[in-house]
Amino acid sequence: MLAGACFDSDTIFPTHFGGIGGVLGALAGALVIHGLRSLDATDAVIVLPGLALAAVYLAFAYGAWTLISWGWTLGVLAGAASIVYVTAVLVGGWADLMVDAPPLALVSVLVVVIATVALFFWFRPNVKAAFERA
């Protein structure tokens, strides 16, 4: 069994969030890839960093699952990058997004909230200690 797969009372934390974020990001990217040839510069600025962030989350998922020491750092970077990226997309096109796809706008706000909560847990002493012991 992998180290991140088991939980004890001292190190309870969600290692699965990275995997979920990576898979969802990769799926979202896969839905867009078929249209990469038709991307203009504005769309590319939004889509390509999102695909890169999905790759970071997949690497983070592995690091968190196996409790590799760099997994903690990558988790913090991925969480912070998610907050910055989604906030920038929302600020840049909130009005258009609310008209064209209101559910997507609300999900984006939810992503920022979840990433913020995950970062809070990521900085808890027991989580940091779990990665240092590994």
Protein backbone atom coordinates (compact mmCIF):
# COMPACT_ATOMS: atom_id res chain seq x y z
CA MET A 1 0.00 0.00 0.00
CA LEU A 2 1.31 3.47 -0.80
CA ALA A 3 2.16 5.79 2.07
CA GLY A 4 -0.42 8.40 1.13
CA ALA A 5 -3.18 5.83 0.89
CA CYS A 6 -3.33 5.21 4.63
CA PHE A 7 -4.43 7.70 7.24
CA ASP A 8 -3.81 7.82 10.95
CA SER A 9 -5.00 10.27 13.56
CA ASP A 10 -1.83 12.38 13.29
CA THR A 11 -1.73 12.86 9.52
CA ILE A 12 -5.28 13.10 8.25
CA PHE A 13 -5.24 15.18 5.08
CA PRO A 14 -6.74 14.91 1.60
CA THR A 15 -4.09 13.41 -0.71
CA HIS A 16 -6.79 12.69 -3.26
CA PHE A 17 -7.47 16.38 -4.05
CA GLY A 18 -4.40 16.57 -6.27
CA GLY A 19 -5.49 13.56 -8.25
CA ILE A 20 -9.00 14.86 -8.62
CA GLY A 21 -7.71 18.27 -9.74
CA GLY A 22 -5.30 16.71 -12.19
CA VAL A 23 -7.85 14.40 -13.73
CA LEU A 24 -10.51 17.11 -14.02
CA GLY A 25 -7.97 19.53 -15.46
CA ALA A 26 -6.78 16.96 -17.97
CA LEU A 27 -10.37 16.18 -18.97
CA ALA A 28 -11.14 19.86 -19.40
CA GLY A 29 -8.00 20.22 -21.47
CA ALA A 30 -8.90 17.19 -23.56
CA LEU A 31 -12.25 18.76 -24.37
CA VAL A 32 -10.45 21.84 -25.66
CA ILE A 33 -7.54 20.19 -27.49
CA HIS A 34 -9.60 19.37 -30.57
CA GLY A 35 -10.00 23.11 -31.09
CA LEU A 36 -6.39 24.17 -30.50
CA ARG A 37 -5.90 24.92 -34.18
CA SER A 38 -8.66 27.50 -34.01
CA LEU A 39 -7.31 29.25 -30.91
CA ASP A 40 -6.58 32.92 -31.22
CA ALA A 41 -4.06 34.64 -28.95
CA THR A 42 -6.65 35.51 -26.30
CA ASP A 43 -7.94 31.96 -26.06
CA ALA A 44 -4.41 30.56 -25.96
CA VAL A 45 -3.60 32.75 -22.97
CA ILE A 46 -6.49 31.10 -21.12
CA VAL A 47 -6.30 27.50 -22.37
CA LEU A 48 -2.57 26.72 -22.41
CA PRO A 49 -1.85 27.73 -18.79
CA GLY A 50 -4.87 25.68 -17.76
CA LEU A 51 -3.40 22.62 -19.47
CA ALA A 52 -0.04 23.26 -17.81
CA LEU A 53 -1.76 23.56 -14.43
CA ALA A 54 -3.47 20.21 -15.03
CA ALA A 55 -0.05 18.63 -15.60
CA VAL A 56 1.24 20.20 -12.37
CA TYR A 57 -1.73 18.75 -10.49
CA LEU A 58 -1.02 15.28 -11.89
CA ALA A 59 2.60 15.50 -10.69
CA PHE A 60 1.35 16.81 -7.34
CA ALA A 61 -1.08 13.89 -7.05
CA TYR A 62 1.81 11.45 -7.33
CA GLY A 63 3.92 13.42 -4.83
CA ALA A 64 1.05 13.64 -2.34
CA TRP A 65 0.02 10.02 -2.73
CA THR A 66 3.55 8.77 -2.04
CA LEU A 67 4.36 11.53 0.50
CA ILE A 68 7.47 12.56 -1.39
CA SER A 69 8.97 15.69 0.17
CA TRP A 70 8.59 17.79 -3.00
CA GLY A 71 4.90 16.89 -3.09
CA TRP A 72 4.12 19.39 -0.33
CA THR A 73 5.87 22.22 -2.19
CA LEU A 74 4.20 21.29 -5.47
CA GLY A 75 0.82 21.20 -3.71
CA VAL A 76 1.29 24.70 -2.35
CA LEU A 77 2.43 25.98 -5.76
CA ALA A 78 -0.47 24.28 -7.55
CA GLY A 79 -3.02 25.64 -5.07
CA ALA A 80 -1.67 29.17 -5.27
CA ALA A 81 -1.41 28.98 -9.06
CA SER A 82 -5.04 27.80 -9.25
CA ILE A 83 -6.20 30.75 -7.20
CA VAL A 84 -4.23 33.24 -9.29
CA TYR A 85 -5.15 31.64 -12.64
CA VAL A 86 -8.89 31.28 -11.99
CA THR A 87 -9.10 34.74 -10.43
CA ALA A 88 -7.35 36.28 -13.44
CA VAL A 89 -9.71 34.51 -15.85
CA LEU A 90 -12.73 35.61 -13.83
CA VAL A 91 -11.61 39.21 -13.51
CA GLY A 92 -10.72 39.37 -17.20
CA GLY A 93 -14.02 38.03 -18.44
CA TRP A 94 -16.54 37.89 -15.62
CA ALA A 95 -19.24 39.83 -17.47
CA ASP A 96 -18.97 37.70 -20.60
CA LEU A 97 -18.77 34.50 -18.59
CA MET A 98 -21.90 35.34 -16.62
CA VAL A 99 -23.81 35.96 -19.85
CA ASP A 100 -22.42 32.99 -21.83
CA ALA A 101 -21.98 30.35 -19.12
CA PRO A 102 -23.24 31.26 -15.64
CA PRO A 103 -22.65 27.74 -14.23
CA LEU A 104 -19.01 27.92 -15.34
CA ALA A 105 -18.58 31.24 -13.57
CA LEU A 106 -20.05 29.84 -10.36
CA VAL A 107 -17.88 26.72 -10.58
CA SER A 108 -14.84 28.96 -11.04
CA VAL A 109 -15.67 30.79 -7.82
CA LEU A 110 -16.04 27.41 -6.13
CA VAL A 111 -12.58 26.39 -7.41
CA VAL A 112 -11.04 29.45 -5.76
CA VAL A 113 -12.81 28.67 -2.48
CA ILE A 114 -11.75 24.99 -2.54
CA ALA A 115 -8.14 25.86 -3.39
CA THR A 116 -8.05 28.37 -0.53
CA VAL A 117 -9.42 25.83 1.95
CA ALA A 118 -6.99 23.18 0.67
CA LEU A 119 -4.06 25.57 1.20
CA PHE A 120 -5.24 26.17 4.76
CA PHE A 121 -5.10 22.43 5.45
CA TRP A 122 -1.83 22.06 3.55
CA PHE A 123 -0.10 24.41 6.01
CA ARG A 124 -1.27 22.51 9.08
CA PRO A 125 1.71 21.20 11.11
CA ASN A 126 0.66 17.55 10.87
CA VAL A 127 0.52 17.71 7.07
CA LYS A 128 3.94 19.33 6.77
CA ALA A 129 5.32 16.78 9.23
CA ALA A 130 3.95 13.88 7.18
CA PHE A 131 5.94 15.03 4.17
CA GLU A 132 9.07 15.64 6.23
CA ARG A 133 8.96 12.12 7.71
CA ALA A 134 8.66 10.50 4.30
